[in-house]
Amino acid sequence: GATDALGRQLAGSQPPGAVVFLDGPLGAGKSSL
């Protein structure tokens, strides 16, 4: 739920054309975010 909330927060504040790199090991939650 906290991961989903972060995704919503970032979506609501992102600038147009934003480029985001998601780093972390397998299973860290990149795809979930």
Full PDB file with SEQRES, HELIX, SHEET, SSBOND, CRYST1, ORIGX, SCALE, CONECT and MASTER records, all heavy atoms in Angstrom:
SEQRES   1 A   33  GLY ALA THR ASP ALA LEU GLY ARG GLN LEU ALA GLY SER          
SEQRES   2 A   33  GLN PRO PRO GLY ALA VAL VAL PHE LEU ASP GLY PRO LEU          
SEQRES   3 A   33  GLY ALA GLY LYS SER SER LEU                                  
HELIX    1 AA1 ALA A    2  SER A   13  1                                  12    
CRYST1    1.000    1.000    1.000  90.00  90.00  90.00 P 1           1          
ORIGX1      1.000000  0.000000  0.000000        0.00000                         
ORIGX2      0.000000  1.000000  0.000000        0.00000                         
ORIGX3      0.000000  0.000000  1.000000        0.00000                         
SCALE1      1.000000  0.000000  0.000000        0.00000                         
SCALE2      0.000000  1.000000  0.000000        0.00000                         
SCALE3      0.000000  0.000000  1.000000        0.00000                         
ATOM      1  N   GLY A   1       0.816  -1.214   0.000  1.00  0.00           N  
ATOM      2  CA  GLY A   1       0.000   0.000   0.000  1.00  0.00           C  
ATOM      3  C   GLY A   1       0.848   1.262   0.000  1.00  0.00           C  
ATOM      4  O   GLY A   1       0.502   2.253  -0.645  1.00  0.00           O  
ATOM      5  N   ALA A   2       1.954   1.226   0.729  1.00  0.00           N  
ATOM      6  CA  ALA A   2       2.847   2.385   0.770  1.00  0.00           C  
ATOM      7  C   ALA A   2       3.542   2.580  -0.580  1.00  0.00           C  
ATOM      8  O   ALA A   2       3.755   3.711  -1.018  1.00  0.00           O  
ATOM      9  CB  ALA A   2       3.877   2.215   1.886  1.00  0.00           C  
ATOM     10  N   THR A   3       3.876   1.478  -1.244  1.00  0.00           N  
ATOM     11  CA  THR A   3       4.472   1.569  -2.576  1.00  0.00           C  
ATOM     12  C   THR A   3       3.473   2.173  -3.551  1.00  0.00           C  
ATOM     13  O   THR A   3       3.820   3.054  -4.344  1.00  0.00           O  
ATOM     14  CB  THR A   3       4.933   0.176  -3.058  1.00  0.00           C  
ATOM     15  OG1 THR A   3       5.891  -0.340  -2.131  1.00  0.00           O  
ATOM     16  CG2 THR A   3       5.553   0.240  -4.442  1.00  0.00           C  
ATOM     17  N   ASP A   4       2.220   1.723  -3.479  1.00  0.00           N  
ATOM     18  CA  ASP A   4       1.171   2.281  -4.337  1.00  0.00           C  
ATOM     19  C   ASP A   4       0.975   3.774  -4.063  1.00  0.00           C  
ATOM     20  O   ASP A   4       0.811   4.566  -4.990  1.00  0.00           O  
ATOM     21  CB  ASP A   4      -0.147   1.540  -4.129  1.00  0.00           C  
ATOM     22  CG  ASP A   4      -0.119   0.116  -4.658  1.00  0.00           C  
ATOM     23  OD1 ASP A   4       0.859  -0.277  -5.349  1.00  0.00           O  
ATOM     24  OD2 ASP A   4      -1.076  -0.625  -4.373  1.00  0.00           O  
ATOM     25  N   ALA A   5       0.995   4.144  -2.794  1.00  0.00           N  
ATOM     26  CA  ALA A   5       0.825   5.558  -2.427  1.00  0.00           C  
ATOM     27  C   ALA A   5       1.958   6.407  -2.990  1.00  0.00           C  
ATOM     28  O   ALA A   5       1.720   7.525  -3.469  1.00  0.00           O  
ATOM     29  CB  ALA A   5       0.742   5.703  -0.908  1.00  0.00           C  
ATOM     30  N   LEU A   6       3.186   5.894  -2.953  1.00  0.00           N  
ATOM     31  CA  LEU A   6       4.310   6.632  -3.527  1.00  0.00           C  
ATOM     32  C   LEU A   6       4.114   6.781  -5.027  1.00  0.00           C  
ATOM     33  O   LEU A   6       4.338   7.861  -5.582  1.00  0.00           O  
ATOM     34  CB  LEU A   6       5.636   5.930  -3.220  1.00  0.00           C  
ATOM     35  CG  LEU A   6       6.878   6.588  -3.828  1.00  0.00           C  
ATOM     36  CD1 LEU A   6       7.057   8.024  -3.338  1.00  0.00           C  
ATOM     37  CD2 LEU A   6       8.119   5.750  -3.530  1.00  0.00           C  
ATOM     38  N   GLY A   7       3.667   5.728  -5.700  1.00  0.00           N  
ATOM     39  CA  GLY A   7       3.398   5.816  -7.131  1.00  0.00           C  
ATOM     40  C   GLY A   7       2.366   6.883  -7.448  1.00  0.00           C  
ATOM     41  O   GLY A   7       2.520   7.668  -8.388  1.00  0.00           O  
ATOM     42  N   ARG A   8       1.297   6.944  -6.655  1.00  0.00           N  
ATOM     43  CA  ARG A   8       0.263   7.960  -6.856  1.00  0.00           C  
ATOM     44  C   ARG A   8       0.818   9.367  -6.625  1.00  0.00           C  
ATOM     45  O   ARG A   8       0.510  10.300  -7.366  1.00  0.00           O  
ATOM     46  CB  ARG A   8      -0.932   7.702  -5.936  1.00  0.00           C  
ATOM     47  CG  ARG A   8      -1.770   6.500  -6.347  1.00  0.00           C  
ATOM     48  CD  ARG A   8      -3.069   6.401  -5.562  1.00  0.00           C  
ATOM     49  NE  ARG A   8      -2.890   6.316  -4.109  1.00  0.00           N  
ATOM     50  CZ  ARG A   8      -2.705   5.192  -3.435  1.00  0.00           C  
ATOM     51  NH1 ARG A   8      -2.653   4.026  -4.071  1.00  0.00           N  
ATOM     52  NH2 ARG A   8      -2.569   5.211  -2.127  1.00  0.00           N  
ATOM     53  N   GLN A   9       1.620   9.505  -5.581  1.00  0.00           N  
ATOM     54  CA  GLN A   9       2.186  10.814  -5.257  1.00  0.00           C  
ATOM     55  C   GLN A   9       3.106  11.300  -6.378  1.00  0.00           C  
ATOM     56  O   GLN A   9       3.051  12.468  -6.778  1.00  0.00           O  
ATOM     57  CB  GLN A   9       2.941  10.724  -3.936  1.00  0.00           C  
ATOM     58  CG  GLN A   9       3.427  12.040  -3.408  1.00  0.00           C  
ATOM     59  CD  GLN A   9       4.076  11.889  -2.044  1.00  0.00           C  
ATOM     60  OE1 GLN A   9       4.824  10.942  -1.805  1.00  0.00           O  
ATOM     61  NE2 GLN A   9       3.778  12.813  -1.154  1.00  0.00           N  
ATOM     62  N   LEU A  10       3.924  10.410  -6.897  1.00  0.00           N  
ATOM     63  CA  LEU A  10       4.838  10.793  -7.972  1.00  0.00           C  
ATOM     64  C   LEU A  10       4.074  11.110  -9.253  1.00  0.00           C  
ATOM     65  O   LEU A  10       4.409  12.055  -9.960  1.00  0.00           O  
ATOM     66  CB  LEU A  10       5.869   9.687  -8.197  1.00  0.00           C  
ATOM     67  CG  LEU A  10       6.869   9.522  -7.053  1.00  0.00           C  
ATOM     68  CD1 LEU A  10       7.618   8.199  -7.181  1.00  0.00           C  
ATOM     69  CD2 LEU A  10       7.831  10.696  -6.999  1.00  0.00           C  
ATOM     70  N   ALA A  11       3.037  10.330  -9.539  1.00  0.00           N  
ATOM     71  CA  ALA A  11       2.227  10.582 -10.737  1.00  0.00           C  
ATOM     72  C   ALA A  11       1.535  11.933 -10.648  1.00  0.00           C  
ATOM     73  O   ALA A  11       1.430  12.651 -11.653  1.00  0.00           O  
ATOM     74  CB  ALA A  11       1.193   9.471 -10.908  1.00  0.00           C  
ATOM     75  N   GLY A  12       1.086  12.294  -9.466  1.00  0.00           N  
ATOM     76  CA  GLY A  12       0.369  13.553  -9.289  1.00  0.00           C  
ATOM     77  C   GLY A  12       1.256  14.781  -9.332  1.00  0.00           C  
ATOM     78  O   GLY A  12       0.755  15.900  -9.481  1.00  0.00           O  
ATOM     79  N   SER A  13       2.555  14.586  -9.238  1.00  0.00           N  
ATOM     80  CA  SER A  13       3.449  15.738  -9.189  1.00  0.00           C  
ATOM     81  C   SER A  13       4.459  15.781 -10.336  1.00  0.00           C  
ATOM     82  O   SER A  13       5.212  16.736 -10.445  1.00  0.00           O  
ATOM     83  CB  SER A  13       4.209  15.737  -7.857  1.00  0.00           C  
ATOM     84  OG  SER A  13       4.996  14.556  -7.734  1.00  0.00           O  
ATOM     85  N   GLN A  14       4.472  14.780 -11.186  1.00  0.00           N  
ATOM     86  CA  GLN A  14       5.514  14.691 -12.205  1.00  0.00           C  
ATOM     87  C   GLN A  14       5.407  15.788 -13.248  1.00  0.00           C  
ATOM     88  O   GLN A  14       4.314  16.176 -13.644  1.00  0.00           O  
ATOM     89  CB  GLN A  14       5.471  13.329 -12.895  1.00  0.00           C  
ATOM     90  CG  GLN A  14       4.353  13.235 -13.914  1.00  0.00           C  
ATOM     91  CD  GLN A  14       4.278  11.916 -14.605  1.00  0.00           C  
ATOM     92  OE1 GLN A  14       4.294  10.887 -13.976  1.00  0.00           O  
ATOM     93  NE2 GLN A  14       4.185  11.961 -15.914  1.00  0.00           N  
ATOM     94  N   PRO A  15       6.550  16.273 -13.699  1.00  0.00           N  
ATOM     95  CA  PRO A  15       6.538  17.233 -14.803  1.00  0.00           C  
ATOM     96  C   PRO A  15       6.333  16.496 -16.134  1.00  0.00           C  
ATOM     97  O   PRO A  15       6.625  15.304 -16.230  1.00  0.00           O  
ATOM     98  CB  PRO A  15       7.934  17.857 -14.732  1.00  0.00           C  
ATOM     99  CG  PRO A  15       8.790  16.810 -14.101  1.00  0.00           C  
ATOM    100  CD  PRO A  15       7.885  16.054 -13.165  1.00  0.00           C  
ATOM    101  N   PRO A  16       5.832  17.184 -17.154  1.00  0.00           N  
ATOM    102  CA  PRO A  16       5.684  16.542 -18.460  1.00  0.00           C  
ATOM    103  C   PRO A  16       7.046  16.115 -19.006  1.00  0.00           C  
ATOM    104  O   PRO A  16       8.038  16.816 -18.844  1.00  0.00           O  
ATOM    105  CB  PRO A  16       5.079  17.633 -19.343  1.00  0.00           C  
ATOM    106  CG  PRO A  16       4.667  18.730 -18.440  1.00  0.00           C  
ATOM    107  CD  PRO A  16       5.401  18.564 -17.153  1.00  0.00           C  
ATOM    108  N   GLY A  17       7.075  14.942 -19.622  1.00  0.00           N  
ATOM    109  CA  GLY A  17       8.319  14.452 -20.214  1.00  0.00           C  
ATOM    110  C   GLY A  17       9.305  13.926 -19.199  1.00  0.00           C  
ATOM    111  O   GLY A  17      10.493  13.799 -19.501  1.00  0.00           O  
ATOM    112  N   ALA A  18       8.851  13.593 -17.999  1.00  0.00           N  
ATOM    113  CA  ALA A  18       9.755  13.129 -16.943  1.00  0.00           C  
ATOM    114  C   ALA A  18      10.423  11.806 -17.327  1.00  0.00           C  
ATOM    115  O   ALA A  18       9.778  10.909 -17.871  1.00  0.00           O  
ATOM    116  CB  ALA A  18       8.986  12.951 -15.637  1.00  0.00           C  
ATOM    117  N   VAL A  19      11.702  11.720 -17.024  1.00  0.00           N  
ATOM    118  CA  VAL A  19      12.465  10.491 -17.221  1.00  0.00           C  
ATOM    119  C   VAL A  19      12.901  10.017 -15.845  1.00  0.00           C  
ATOM    120  O   VAL A  19      13.541  10.759 -15.098  1.00  0.00           O  
ATOM    121  CB  VAL A  19      13.693  10.717 -18.128  1.00  0.00           C  
ATOM    122  CG1 VAL A  19      14.513   9.439 -18.264  1.00  0.00           C  
ATOM    123  CG2 VAL A  19      13.268  11.233 -19.498  1.00  0.00           C  
ATOM    124  N   VAL A  20      12.520   8.776 -15.508  1.00  0.00           N  
ATOM    125  CA  VAL A  20      12.789   8.221 -14.184  1.00  0.00           C  
ATOM    126  C   VAL A  20      13.511   6.898 -14.342  1.00  0.00           C  
ATOM    127  O   VAL A  20      13.042   6.000 -15.052  1.00  0.00           O  
ATOM    128  CB  VAL A  20      11.478   8.003 -13.400  1.00  0.00           C  
ATOM    129  CG1 VAL A  20      11.764   7.425 -12.027  1.00  0.00           C  
ATOM    130  CG2 VAL A  20      10.700   9.310 -13.291  1.00  0.00           C  
ATOM    131  N   PHE A  21      14.648   6.771 -13.679  1.00  0.00           N  
ATOM    132  CA  PHE A  21      15.378   5.507 -13.642  1.00  0.00           C  
ATOM    133  C   PHE A  21      15.024   4.804 -12.344  1.00  0.00           C  
ATOM    134  O   PHE A  21      15.075   5.411 -11.262  1.00  0.00           O  
ATOM    135  CB  PHE A  21      16.881   5.735 -13.687  1.00  0.00           C  
ATOM    136  CG  PHE A  21      17.426   6.148 -15.038  1.00  0.00           C  
ATOM    137  CD1 PHE A  21      16.598   6.324 -16.146  1.00  0.00           C  
ATOM    138  CD2 PHE A  21      18.771   6.373 -15.196  1.00  0.00           C  
ATOM    139  CE1 PHE A  21      17.108   6.707 -17.384  1.00  0.00           C  
ATOM    140  CE2 PHE A  21      19.300   6.741 -16.424  1.00  0.00           C  
ATOM    141  CZ  PHE A  21      18.478   6.905 -17.521  1.00  0.00           C  
ATOM    142  N   LEU A  22      14.637   3.535 -12.456  1.00  0.00           N  
ATOM    143  CA  LEU A  22      14.286   2.711 -11.300  1.00  0.00           C  
ATOM    144  C   LEU A  22      15.396   1.688 -11.088  1.00  0.00           C  
ATOM    145  O   LEU A  22      15.611   0.827 -11.947  1.00  0.00           O  
ATOM    146  CB  LEU A  22      12.943   2.009 -11.549  1.00  0.00           C  
ATOM    147  CG  LEU A  22      11.751   2.934 -11.811  1.00  0.00           C  
ATOM    148  CD1 LEU A  22      10.541   2.127 -12.268  1.00  0.00           C  
ATOM    149  CD2 LEU A  22      11.420   3.733 -10.566  1.00  0.00           C  
ATOM    150  N   ASP A  23      16.089   1.804  -9.986  1.00  0.00           N  
ATOM    151  CA  ASP A  23      17.207   0.923  -9.672  1.00  0.00           C  
ATOM    152  C   ASP A  23      16.860   0.018  -8.506  1.00  0.00           C  
ATOM    153  O   ASP A  23      16.053   0.388  -7.647  1.00  0.00           O  
ATOM    154  CB  ASP A  23      18.446   1.743  -9.258  1.00  0.00           C  
ATOM    155  CG  ASP A  23      18.989   2.598 -10.382  1.00  0.00           C  
ATOM    156  OD1 ASP A  23      19.040   2.131 -11.522  1.00  0.00           O  
ATOM    157  OD2 ASP A  23      19.369   3.753 -10.098  1.00  0.00           O  
ATOM    158  N   GLY A  24      17.504  -1.126  -8.458  1.00  0.00           N  
ATOM    159  CA  GLY A  24      17.339  -2.029  -7.332  1.00  0.00           C  
ATOM    160  C   GLY A  24      17.432  -3.467  -7.792  1.00  0.00           C  
ATOM    161  O   GLY A  24      17.274  -3.768  -8.978  1.00  0.00           O  
ATOM    162  N   PRO A  25      17.665  -4.369  -6.849  1.00  0.00           N  
ATOM    163  CA  PRO A  25      17.788  -5.777  -7.202  1.00  0.00           C  
ATOM    164  C   PRO A  25      16.431  -6.375  -7.595  1.00  0.00           C  
ATOM    165  O   PRO A  25      15.380  -5.762  -7.393  1.00  0.00           O  
ATOM    166  CB  PRO A  25      18.315  -6.415  -5.918  1.00  0.00           C  
ATOM    167  CG  PRO A  25      17.835  -5.511  -4.832  1.00  0.00           C  
ATOM    168  CD  PRO A  25      17.840  -4.130  -5.416  1.00  0.00           C  
ATOM    169  N   LEU A  26      16.486  -7.572  -8.142  1.00  0.00           N  
ATOM    170  CA  LEU A  26      15.250  -8.299  -8.442  1.00  0.00           C  
ATOM    171  C   LEU A  26      14.402  -8.392  -7.182  1.00  0.00           C  
ATOM    172  O   LEU A  26      14.917  -8.643  -6.096  1.00  0.00           O  
ATOM    173  CB  LEU A  26      15.576  -9.705  -8.948  1.00  0.00           C  
ATOM    174  CG  LEU A  26      16.184  -9.804 -10.346  1.00  0.00           C  
ATOM    175  CD1 LEU A  26      16.658 -11.224 -10.614  1.00  0.00           C  
ATOM    176  CD2 LEU A  26      15.195  -9.361 -11.398  1.00  0.00           C  
ATOM    177  N   GLY A  27      13.119  -8.152  -7.321  1.00  0.00           N  
ATOM    178  CA  GLY A  27      12.208  -8.254  -6.185  1.00  0.00           C  
ATOM    179  C   GLY A  27      12.143  -7.038  -5.294  1.00  0.00           C  
ATOM    180  O   GLY A  27      11.455  -7.050  -4.271  1.00  0.00           O  
ATOM    181  N   ALA A  28      12.814  -5.951  -5.669  1.00  0.00           N  
ATOM    182  CA  ALA A  28      12.830  -4.755  -4.827  1.00  0.00           C  
ATOM    183  C   ALA A  28      11.575  -3.899  -4.982  1.00  0.00           C  
ATOM    184  O   ALA A  28      11.351  -2.997  -4.186  1.00  0.00           O  
ATOM    185  CB  ALA A  28      14.071  -3.908  -5.120  1.00  0.00           C  
ATOM    186  N   GLY A  29      10.772  -4.156  -6.011  1.00  0.00           N  
ATOM    187  CA  GLY A  29       9.535  -3.406  -6.165  1.00  0.00           C  
ATOM    188  C   GLY A  29       9.496  -2.418  -7.316  1.00  0.00           C  
ATOM    189  O   GLY A  29       8.596  -1.585  -7.384  1.00  0.00           O  
ATOM    190  N   LYS A  30      10.439  -2.503  -8.235  1.00  0.00           N  
ATOM    191  CA  LYS A  30      10.475  -1.560  -9.361  1.00  0.00           C  
ATOM    192  C   LYS A  30       9.202  -1.654 -10.201  1.00  0.00           C  
ATOM    193  O   LYS A  30       8.568  -0.640 -10.503  1.00  0.00           O  
ATOM    194  CB  LYS A  30      11.712  -1.824 -10.233  1.00  0.00           C  
ATOM    195  CG  LYS A  30      13.033  -1.619  -9.505  1.00  0.00           C  
ATOM    196  CD  LYS A  30      14.230  -1.905 -10.389  1.00  0.00           C  
ATOM    197  CE  LYS A  30      14.331  -3.324 -10.859  1.00  0.00           C  
ATOM    198  NZ  LYS A  30      14.571  -4.323  -9.813  1.00  0.00           N  
ATOM    199  N   SER A  31       8.829  -2.857 -10.583  1.00  0.00           N  
ATOM    200  CA  SER A  31       7.633  -3.036 -11.412  1.00  0.00           C  
ATOM    201  C   SER A  31       6.366  -2.687 -10.646  1.00  0.00           C  
ATOM    202  O   SER A  31       5.417  -2.130 -11.215  1.00  0.00           O  
ATOM    203  CB  SER A  31       7.548  -4.467 -11.944  1.00  0.00           C  
ATOM    204  OG  SER A  31       8.582  -4.701 -12.873  1.00  0.00           O  
ATOM    205  N   SER A  32       6.327  -2.984  -9.364  1.00  0.00           N  
ATOM    206  CA  SER A  32       5.152  -2.634  -8.544  1.00  0.00           C  
ATOM    207  C   SER A  32       4.973  -1.124  -8.479  1.00  0.00           C  
ATOM    208  O   SER A  32       3.851  -0.619  -8.600  1.00  0.00           O  
ATOM    209  CB  SER A  32       5.298  -3.201  -7.133  1.00  0.00           C  
ATOM    210  OG  SER A  32       5.317  -4.601  -7.162  1.00  0.00           O  
ATOM    211  N   LEU A  33       6.065  -0.401  -8.287  1.00  0.00           N  
ATOM    212  CA  LEU A  33       5.989   1.056  -8.258  1.00  0.00           C  
ATOM    213  C   LEU A  33       5.544   1.592  -9.615  1.00  0.00           C  
ATOM    214  O   LEU A  33       4.674   2.472  -9.694  1.00  0.00           O  
ATOM    215  CB  LEU A  33       7.337   1.661  -7.851  1.00  0.00           C  
ATOM    216  CG  LEU A  33       7.390   3.186  -7.817  1.00  0.00           C  
ATOM    217  CD1 LEU A  33       6.403   3.762  -6.807  1.00  0.00           C  
ATOM    218  CD2 LEU A  33       8.805   3.657  -7.509  1.00  0.00           C  
TER     219      LEU A  33                                                      
MASTER        0    0    0    1    0    0    0    6  218    1    0    3          
END                                                                             
